[in-house]
C-alpha cells in the first residue's frame, strides 16, 4: 500500500492522473483506496516526494 504525506503534498494531482488503477482521489488532499496495487507509478511521478510505499501491507 502507498502512504501520502499531507505535509508534502501540493495538490497537483499527478498521482491521480498517473495511477492506472484509479486508486487515488484528490479532493482535500490525496487519498488512496483499496484499488491500490502498490505498483509505484505514483511514487515516481510525485514532484514533492510525498508518496512512499509501505512494505508488507496491501
C-alpha atoms as a PDB file:
ATOM      1  CA  UNK A   1       0.000   0.000   0.000  1.00  0.00           C
ATOM      2  CA  UNK A   2       1.156   3.554  -0.501  1.00  0.00           C
ATOM      3  CA  UNK A   3       1.130   6.385   2.001  1.00  0.00           C
ATOM      4  CA  UNK A   4       0.807  10.077   1.156  1.00  0.00           C
ATOM      5  CA  UNK A   5       2.407  12.705   3.383  1.00  0.00           C
ATOM      6  CA  UNK A   6      -0.150  15.517   3.564  1.00  0.00           C
ATOM      7  CA  UNK A   7       2.527  17.994   4.646  1.00  0.00           C
ATOM      8  CA  UNK A   8       4.499  17.422   1.432  1.00  0.00           C
ATOM      9  CA  UNK A   9       1.528  17.031  -0.929  1.00  0.00           C
ATOM     10  CA  UNK A  10       0.991  20.188  -3.016  1.00  0.00           C
ATOM     11  CA  UNK A  11      -2.312  19.043  -4.534  1.00  0.00           C
ATOM     12  CA  UNK A  12      -1.003  18.854  -8.107  1.00  0.00           C
ATOM     13  CA  UNK A  13      -2.940  15.602  -8.775  1.00  0.00           C
ATOM     14  CA  UNK A  14      -0.107  13.995 -10.774  1.00  0.00           C
ATOM     15  CA  UNK A  15      -0.614  10.858  -8.693  1.00  0.00           C
ATOM     16  CA  UNK A  16      -4.316  10.799  -9.583  1.00  0.00           C
ATOM     17  CA  UNK A  17      -3.610  11.286 -13.288  1.00  0.00           C
ATOM     18  CA  UNK A  18      -0.891   8.624 -13.495  1.00  0.00           C
ATOM     19  CA  UNK A  19      -2.485   5.861 -11.404  1.00  0.00           C
ATOM     20  CA  UNK A  20      -3.517   3.064 -13.800  1.00  0.00           C
ATOM     21  CA  UNK A  21      -5.967   1.610 -11.255  1.00  0.00           C
ATOM     22  CA  UNK A  22      -7.700   4.901 -10.351  1.00  0.00           C
ATOM     23  CA  UNK A  23      -6.782   4.160  -6.738  1.00  0.00           C
ATOM     24  CA  UNK A  24      -6.054   7.755  -5.716  1.00  0.00           C
ATOM     25  CA  UNK A  25      -8.542  10.566  -5.311  1.00  0.00           C
ATOM     26  CA  UNK A  26      -7.811  14.206  -4.588  1.00  0.00           C
ATOM     27  CA  UNK A  27     -10.409  16.474  -3.069  1.00  0.00           C
ATOM     28  CA  UNK A  28      -8.963  17.937   0.145  1.00  0.00           C
ATOM     29  CA  UNK A  29      -5.623  16.165  -0.165  1.00  0.00           C
ATOM     30  CA  UNK A  30      -4.817  12.887  -1.886  1.00  0.00           C
ATOM     31  CA  UNK A  31      -6.292   9.653  -0.556  1.00  0.00           C
ATOM     32  CA  UNK A  32      -5.628   6.029  -1.505  1.00  0.00           C
ATOM     33  CA  UNK A  33      -8.372   3.425  -1.778  1.00  0.00           C
ATOM     34  CA  UNK A  34      -8.499  -0.377  -1.870  1.00  0.00           C
ATOM     35  CA  UNK A  35      -7.797  -0.499  -5.644  1.00  0.00           C
ATOM     36  CA  UNK A  36      -4.113   0.293  -4.960  1.00  0.00           C
ATOM     37  CA  UNK A  37      -1.731  -2.476  -6.073  1.00  0.00           C
ATOM     38  CA  UNK A  38       1.445  -0.696  -4.870  1.00  0.00           C
ATOM     39  CA  UNK A  39       2.819  -0.524  -8.405  1.00  0.00           C
ATOM     40  CA  UNK A  40       4.791   2.642  -7.556  1.00  0.00           C
ATOM     41  CA  UNK A  41       3.938   4.691 -10.630  1.00  0.00           C
ATOM     42  CA  UNK A  42       2.568   7.488  -8.453  1.00  0.00           C
ATOM     43  CA  UNK A  43       5.734   7.488  -6.335  1.00  0.00           C
ATOM     44  CA  UNK A  44       7.891   8.215  -9.377  1.00  0.00           C
ATOM     45  CA  UNK A  45       5.570  10.949 -10.648  1.00  0.00           C
ATOM     46  CA  UNK A  46       5.219  12.937  -7.412  1.00  0.00           C
ATOM     47  CA  UNK A  47       7.232  16.178  -7.720  1.00  0.00           C
ATOM     48  CA  UNK A  48       7.343  16.699  -3.938  1.00  0.00           C
ATOM     49  CA  UNK A  49       8.282  13.142  -2.915  1.00  0.00           C
ATOM     50  CA  UNK A  50       5.104  12.980  -0.827  1.00  0.00           C
ATOM     51  CA  UNK A  51       4.331   9.322  -1.594  1.00  0.00           C
ATOM     52  CA  UNK A  52       6.051   6.237  -0.209  1.00  0.00           C
ATOM     53  CA  UNK A  53       5.340   2.520  -0.473  1.00  0.00           C
ATOM     54  CA  UNK A  54       4.685   0.818   2.863  1.00  0.00           C
ATOM     55  CA  UNK A  55       6.312  -2.610   2.740  1.00  0.00           C
ATOM     56  CA  UNK A  56       4.373  -5.639   3.903  1.00  0.00           C
ATOM     57  CA  UNK A  57       0.925  -4.061   3.509  1.00  0.00           C
ATOM     58  CA  UNK A  58      -1.591  -4.409   0.738  1.00  0.00           C
END
